[in-house]
């Protein structure tokens, strides 16, 4: 008797059926998304001009009926074609046809209509600029950024584009650090020092940052300052606080600190008499660093009961002291 056996398709060698990454560079999903994005931006700009002229393309301005007035004055102007522009975003580079129009002002002078959606001479979206800047800040030089982002931006970005984006980010950063705080209704401050890992001169290093967060009267938090002062000394914190006062920050009602000695001395010199509370997260870290490993869960539970349920915390503290021969330092804070 002769048996006939057949192999299932799944048993065939993978190399015969697999589609490799480099077999076909055309991605229909990316192409469809890019076309949709182009159409959406085009429609958004056309709609902006329609609203400005109060009529659609090839339409006439309708005369308002007697007694009907929406409060908007009719804008006199006319369209005159389109011009080609390119826009680069996280979706890649697309070509747009920008509508053009001439507007007649109250004095009779005509001027070119300018879109607020896509500003004049804008070639990239803010998200694309942020992506380029983040790649540069991660330690990549201007030439390597071009190669790194070439897969996203079809034509890539030149080193001059990276330099311009970085100069724009730097100027915005300096303006943000110098902005006025006189109108900010800040009632509480959260002050902390942190260490971040960055790449400087092709080497990974750690830098210390001093961070100040303000809490408004309605409870909303706002970032006030981030400074790299080389450490958390009293002089460093005093320079940060003096800069905040110089920018118009009013005397806060409450301060939340990380417990650093340099910060407490700087606060005593600037805002003496303001109530100060140590951050509960930093307090827990300090307790766990000095508590035995077998008691860390109990210490965490007891501190949570102390903070969120003030009633029964005394029993937990006594039980913790009975088990531990030496109480953790700063446990009285």
Protein backbone atom coordinates (compact mmCIF):
# COMPACT_ATOMS: atom_id res chain seq x y z
CA UNK A 1 0.00 0.00 0.00
CA UNK A 2 1.37 3.38 -0.94
CA UNK A 3 0.75 6.33 1.37
CA UNK A 4 0.81 9.85 0.10
CA UNK A 5 1.80 12.53 2.52
CA UNK A 6 1.83 16.26 1.97
CA UNK A 7 3.61 18.95 3.95
CA UNK A 8 1.67 21.83 5.39
CA UNK A 9 2.61 25.30 4.23
CA UNK A 10 3.83 26.15 7.69
CA UNK A 11 6.50 23.47 7.38
CA UNK A 12 8.13 25.14 4.40
CA UNK A 13 11.41 26.93 5.05
CA UNK A 14 10.90 30.38 6.44
CA UNK A 15 13.45 31.80 4.03
CA UNK A 16 11.18 30.88 1.09
CA UNK A 17 8.10 32.76 2.36
CA UNK A 18 9.36 35.57 4.61
CA UNK A 19 9.18 39.18 3.51
CA UNK A 20 12.28 40.95 4.61
CA UNK A 21 12.55 44.54 5.69
CA UNK A 22 14.61 45.59 2.67
CA UNK A 23 12.52 43.75 0.05
CA UNK A 24 10.14 46.65 -0.52
CA UNK A 25 10.67 50.17 0.84
CA UNK A 26 7.13 51.29 -0.06
CA UNK A 27 4.86 51.28 3.00
CA UNK A 28 1.18 51.68 2.06
CA UNK A 29 0.23 52.60 5.63
CA UNK A 30 2.73 55.44 5.80
CA UNK A 31 1.76 56.65 2.33
CA UNK A 32 -1.95 56.65 3.19
CA UNK A 33 -1.38 58.47 6.48
CA UNK A 34 0.78 61.07 4.74
CA UNK A 35 -1.91 61.71 2.13
CA UNK A 36 -4.54 62.09 4.84
CA UNK A 37 -2.33 64.51 6.76
CA UNK A 38 -1.73 66.56 3.60
CA UNK A 39 -5.46 66.74 2.90
CA UNK A 40 -6.26 67.66 6.49
CA UNK A 41 -3.74 70.51 6.62
CA UNK A 42 -4.83 71.74 3.20
CA UNK A 43 -8.48 71.79 4.27
CA UNK A 44 -7.62 73.55 7.53
CA UNK A 45 -5.80 76.38 5.73
CA UNK A 46 -8.53 76.72 3.11
CA UNK A 47 -11.12 76.90 5.89
CA UNK A 48 -9.12 79.62 7.61
CA UNK A 49 -9.18 81.75 4.46
CA UNK A 50 -12.89 81.05 3.91
CA UNK A 51 -13.61 82.31 7.42
CA UNK A 52 -11.52 85.42 6.83
CA UNK A 53 -13.28 86.32 3.57
CA UNK A 54 -16.63 85.06 4.92
CA UNK A 55 -17.26 83.08 1.75
CA UNK A 56 -16.03 79.81 0.26
CA UNK A 57 -13.96 79.49 -2.84
CA UNK A 58 -15.87 80.59 -6.00
CA UNK A 59 -18.56 81.95 -3.67
CA UNK A 60 -20.00 85.40 -3.20
CA UNK A 61 -20.48 87.31 0.00
CA UNK A 62 -24.09 87.02 1.08
CA UNK A 63 -25.76 90.26 2.03
CA UNK A 64 -27.19 90.19 5.56
CA UNK A 65 -30.93 90.55 5.87
CA UNK A 66 -32.42 93.64 7.45
CA UNK A 67 -31.82 93.69 11.18
CA UNK A 68 -29.53 90.65 11.06
CA UNK A 69 -25.98 91.50 12.07
CA UNK A 70 -23.59 89.07 13.70
CA UNK A 71 -21.17 91.82 14.68
CA UNK A 72 -18.53 90.93 12.08
CA UNK A 73 -17.60 93.44 9.43
CA UNK A 74 -17.28 92.14 5.90
CA UNK A 75 -13.68 91.75 4.74
CA UNK A 76 -12.98 93.02 1.27
CA UNK A 77 -10.52 90.90 -0.65
CA UNK A 78 -10.06 88.32 -3.35
CA UNK A 79 -8.13 85.13 -3.92
CA UNK A 80 -5.39 84.92 -6.48
CA UNK A 81 -4.16 81.37 -6.85
CA UNK A 82 -1.87 79.13 -4.83
CA UNK A 83 1.80 78.72 -4.15
CA UNK A 84 3.71 75.54 -3.39
CA UNK A 85 5.23 74.99 0.04
CA UNK A 86 6.73 72.05 1.86
CA UNK A 87 6.20 71.12 5.50
CA UNK A 88 8.21 68.63 7.53
CA UNK A 89 6.70 67.02 10.59
CA UNK A 90 6.74 63.75 12.47
CA UNK A 91 4.68 62.43 9.55
CA UNK A 92 7.55 63.20 7.15
CA UNK A 93 7.79 65.82 4.42
CA UNK A 94 4.66 66.78 2.47
CA UNK A 95 3.96 69.27 -0.31
CA UNK A 96 1.17 71.81 0.18
CA UNK A 97 -0.62 74.27 -2.06
CA UNK A 98 -1.03 77.43 -0.01
CA UNK A 99 -3.98 79.63 -1.02
CA UNK A 100 -3.20 83.29 -1.69
CA UNK A 101 -5.44 86.31 -1.21
CA UNK A 102 -5.25 90.10 -1.18
CA UNK A 103 -7.10 91.99 1.56
CA UNK A 104 -8.17 95.62 1.43
CA UNK A 105 -7.60 97.49 4.68
CA UNK A 106 -9.68 100.35 6.14
CA UNK A 107 -7.29 102.87 4.59
CA UNK A 108 -7.74 101.35 1.13
CA UNK A 109 -4.28 99.75 1.07
CA UNK A 110 -4.04 96.11 0.02
CA UNK A 111 -1.95 93.52 1.81
CA UNK A 112 -1.19 89.83 1.37
CA UNK A 113 -3.19 87.46 3.54
CA UNK A 114 -1.06 85.51 6.03
CA UNK A 115 -2.16 82.24 7.53
CA UNK A 116 -2.02 81.79 11.30
CA UNK A 117 -2.14 78.00 10.98
CA UNK A 118 1.04 77.80 8.88
CA UNK A 119 3.16 80.85 9.52
CA UNK A 120 5.28 82.53 6.88
CA UNK A 121 8.60 80.79 6.25
CA UNK A 122 7.63 77.90 8.51
CA UNK A 123 9.11 74.71 7.13
CA UNK A 124 8.79 72.36 10.12
CA UNK A 125 6.22 71.67 12.81
CA UNK A 126 7.01 72.29 16.46
CA UNK A 127 7.03 68.54 17.09
CA UNK A 128 9.68 68.07 14.38
CA UNK A 129 11.83 70.82 15.89
CA UNK A 130 11.46 69.20 19.31
CA UNK A 131 12.55 65.84 17.86
CA UNK A 132 15.63 67.39 16.25
CA UNK A 133 16.52 69.28 19.43
CA UNK A 134 16.09 66.18 21.63
CA UNK A 135 18.38 64.16 19.37
CA UNK A 136 20.99 66.93 19.58
CA UNK A 137 20.65 67.26 23.36
CA UNK A 138 21.09 63.49 23.72
CA UNK A 139 24.70 63.94 22.63
CA UNK A 140 24.44 63.51 18.87
CA UNK A 141 26.35 66.04 16.79
CA UNK A 142 24.81 67.96 13.91
CA UNK A 143 26.00 65.55 11.20
CA UNK A 144 24.82 62.44 13.02
CA UNK A 145 21.40 63.93 13.64
CA UNK A 146 20.92 64.06 9.86
CA UNK A 147 21.70 60.37 9.50
CA UNK A 148 19.67 59.39 12.55
CA UNK A 149 16.49 61.14 11.35
CA UNK A 150 16.82 60.30 7.67
CA UNK A 151 14.47 57.32 8.06
CA UNK A 152 11.75 59.65 9.37
CA UNK A 153 12.41 62.66 7.15
CA UNK A 154 12.76 61.36 3.61
CA UNK A 155 15.28 63.99 2.50
CA UNK A 156 16.87 64.19 5.94
CA UNK A 157 17.79 67.38 7.78
CA UNK A 158 20.96 69.29 7.15
CA UNK A 159 23.39 70.36 9.83
CA UNK A 160 22.37 73.99 9.29
CA UNK A 161 18.77 73.04 10.16
CA UNK A 162 19.97 71.39 13.36
CA UNK A 163 21.98 74.49 14.26
CA UNK A 164 19.02 76.80 13.64
CA UNK A 165 16.71 74.63 15.71
CA UNK A 166 19.21 74.56 18.55
CA UNK A 167 19.63 78.35 18.47
CA UNK A 168 15.84 78.73 18.59
CA UNK A 169 15.59 76.33 21.55
CA UNK A 170 18.39 78.14 23.35
CA UNK A 171 16.79 81.58 22.85
CA UNK A 172 13.40 80.24 24.03
CA UNK A 173 15.08 78.72 27.07
CA UNK A 174 16.77 82.00 27.98
CA UNK A 175 13.50 83.90 27.54
CA UNK A 176 11.68 81.36 29.73
CA UNK A 177 14.29 81.71 32.47
CA UNK A 178 13.95 85.51 32.40
CA UNK A 179 10.15 85.72 32.29
CA UNK A 180 8.34 87.79 34.90
CA UNK A 181 6.68 86.05 37.86
CA UNK A 182 4.94 89.13 39.24
CA UNK A 183 1.50 88.01 38.02
CA UNK A 184 1.81 84.42 39.22
CA UNK A 185 -0.44 83.78 42.27
CA UNK A 186 2.07 81.43 43.92
CA UNK A 187 1.25 80.44 47.51
CA UNK A 188 3.52 77.40 47.98
CA UNK A 189 6.91 76.35 46.70
CA UNK A 190 8.39 72.88 46.19
CA UNK A 191 12.20 72.97 46.10
CA UNK A 192 14.34 69.96 45.30
CA UNK A 193 17.71 69.02 43.86
CA UNK A 194 18.09 66.16 41.41
CA UNK A 195 20.81 64.52 39.36
CA UNK A 196 20.35 63.66 35.67
CA UNK A 197 22.54 61.71 33.27
CA UNK A 198 23.52 63.54 30.08
CA UNK A 199 26.14 63.32 27.36
CA UNK A 200 28.67 66.15 27.22
CA UNK A 201 31.60 66.07 24.79
CA UNK A 202 30.78 62.46 23.84
CA UNK A 203 30.97 61.36 27.48
CA UNK A 204 28.15 60.33 29.80
CA UNK A 205 28.18 62.43 32.93
CA UNK A 206 25.88 63.45 35.76
CA UNK A 207 24.89 67.04 36.46
CA UNK A 208 23.05 68.44 39.45
CA UNK A 209 19.91 70.49 38.84
CA UNK A 210 18.02 72.71 41.26
CA UNK A 211 14.28 72.63 40.58
CA UNK A 212 11.62 75.03 41.89
CA UNK A 213 7.91 74.29 41.40
CA UNK A 214 5.23 76.75 42.42
CA UNK A 215 1.70 75.93 43.49
CA UNK A 216 -0.96 78.48 42.62
CA UNK A 217 -3.91 79.42 44.80
CA UNK A 218 -6.16 77.04 42.82
CA UNK A 219 -3.77 74.12 43.35
CA UNK A 220 -2.23 74.11 39.87
CA UNK A 221 1.51 73.45 39.74
CA UNK A 222 3.81 75.49 37.52
CA UNK A 223 7.51 75.04 36.87
CA UNK A 224 9.37 78.20 37.88
CA UNK A 225 13.07 77.44 37.49
CA UNK A 226 15.60 74.74 36.57
CA UNK A 227 19.19 75.71 37.24
CA UNK A 228 22.48 73.87 36.89
CA UNK A 229 24.57 75.33 39.72
CA UNK A 230 27.13 72.56 40.20
CA UNK A 231 25.69 71.33 43.49
CA UNK A 232 23.21 71.99 46.29
CA UNK A 233 25.26 74.33 48.41
CA UNK A 234 23.86 77.31 50.28
CA UNK A 235 25.36 79.70 47.74
CA UNK A 236 23.79 77.79 44.83
CA UNK A 237 20.32 77.81 46.35
CA UNK A 238 20.70 81.46 47.40
CA UNK A 239 21.45 82.42 43.79
CA UNK A 240 18.32 80.57 42.59
CA UNK A 241 16.10 82.21 45.22
CA UNK A 242 17.52 85.68 44.53
CA UNK A 243 16.79 85.21 40.83
CA UNK A 244 13.16 84.26 41.59
CA UNK A 245 12.72 87.35 43.77
CA UNK A 246 14.32 89.53 41.10
CA UNK A 247 11.78 88.22 38.58
CA UNK A 248 8.92 89.32 40.84
CA UNK A 249 8.06 86.21 42.86
CA UNK A 250 6.13 87.14 45.98
CA UNK A 251 6.79 85.75 49.45
CA UNK A 252 5.21 82.26 49.62
CA UNK A 253 3.02 81.05 52.43
CA UNK A 254 4.46 77.54 52.67
CA UNK A 255 7.63 75.73 51.62
CA UNK A 256 8.20 72.02 50.87
CA UNK A 257 11.87 71.00 50.81
CA UNK A 258 13.98 67.87 50.43
CA UNK A 259 15.83 68.36 53.71
CA UNK A 260 19.20 69.48 52.30
CA UNK A 261 21.15 71.63 54.74
CA UNK A 262 22.20 74.13 52.09
CA UNK A 263 18.61 74.73 51.03
CA UNK A 264 17.37 75.25 54.58
CA UNK A 265 20.09 77.81 55.29
CA UNK A 266 19.33 79.70 52.07
CA UNK A 267 15.61 79.77 52.88
CA UNK A 268 16.28 81.04 56.39
CA UNK A 269 18.31 83.91 54.94
CA UNK A 270 15.70 84.87 52.32
CA UNK A 271 12.29 83.94 53.74
CA UNK A 272 12.77 83.61 57.48
CA UNK A 273 9.58 82.71 59.31
CA UNK A 274 7.83 80.92 56.42
CA UNK A 275 6.59 77.46 57.52
CA UNK A 276 8.73 74.65 56.10
CA UNK A 277 7.77 71.01 55.66
CA UNK A 278 10.01 68.21 54.57
CA UNK A 279 8.86 66.15 51.60
CA UNK A 280 7.38 62.83 52.75
CA UNK A 281 9.02 60.96 49.87
CA UNK A 282 12.48 62.15 50.92
CA UNK A 283 11.66 61.35 54.54
CA UNK A 284 10.68 57.80 53.59
CA UNK A 285 13.88 57.34 51.57
CA UNK A 286 15.93 58.51 54.54
CA UNK A 287 14.18 56.11 56.91
CA UNK A 288 14.50 53.13 54.58
CA UNK A 289 18.20 53.83 54.00
CA UNK A 290 18.92 53.43 57.74
CA UNK A 291 16.30 50.83 58.72
CA UNK A 292 17.05 47.08 58.69
CA UNK A 293 15.81 45.30 55.60
CA UNK A 294 13.38 43.16 57.61
CA UNK A 295 11.65 46.30 58.93
CA UNK A 296 11.42 48.32 55.72
CA UNK A 297 7.89 47.17 54.87
CA UNK A 298 6.68 48.05 58.34
CA UNK A 299 8.42 51.43 58.25
CA UNK A 300 6.78 52.24 54.92
CA UNK A 301 3.37 51.19 56.23
CA UNK A 302 3.72 53.12 59.47
CA UNK A 303 4.85 56.30 57.71
CA UNK A 304 1.90 56.05 55.31
CA UNK A 305 -0.44 55.74 58.30
CA UNK A 306 1.23 58.72 59.93
CA UNK A 307 0.82 60.90 56.84
CA UNK A 308 -2.63 59.86 55.62
CA UNK A 309 -4.23 58.61 58.85
CA UNK A 310 -2.88 60.65 61.76
CA UNK A 311 -4.73 58.63 64.43
CA UNK A 312 -3.06 55.22 64.87
CA UNK A 313 0.51 56.12 63.94
CA UNK A 314 1.78 56.24 67.53
CA UNK A 315 1.34 52.48 68.02
CA UNK A 316 3.32 51.76 64.84
CA UNK A 317 6.14 54.02 65.90
CA UNK A 318 6.45 52.34 69.32
CA UNK A 319 6.40 48.86 67.79
CA UNK A 320 9.10 49.88 65.34
CA UNK A 321 11.34 51.15 68.13
CA UNK A 322 10.93 47.93 70.13
CA UNK A 323 12.11 45.80 67.21
CA UNK A 324 14.98 48.05 66.17
CA UNK A 325 17.90 48.44 68.56
CA UNK A 326 18.93 51.78 67.11
CA UNK A 327 16.30 54.16 65.77
CA UNK A 328 16.90 55.60 62.30
CA UNK A 329 18.43 59.08 62.33
CA UNK A 330 16.16 62.05 61.67
CA UNK A 331 13.15 59.91 62.59
CA UNK A 332 11.85 62.80 64.67
CA UNK A 333 11.35 64.94 61.54
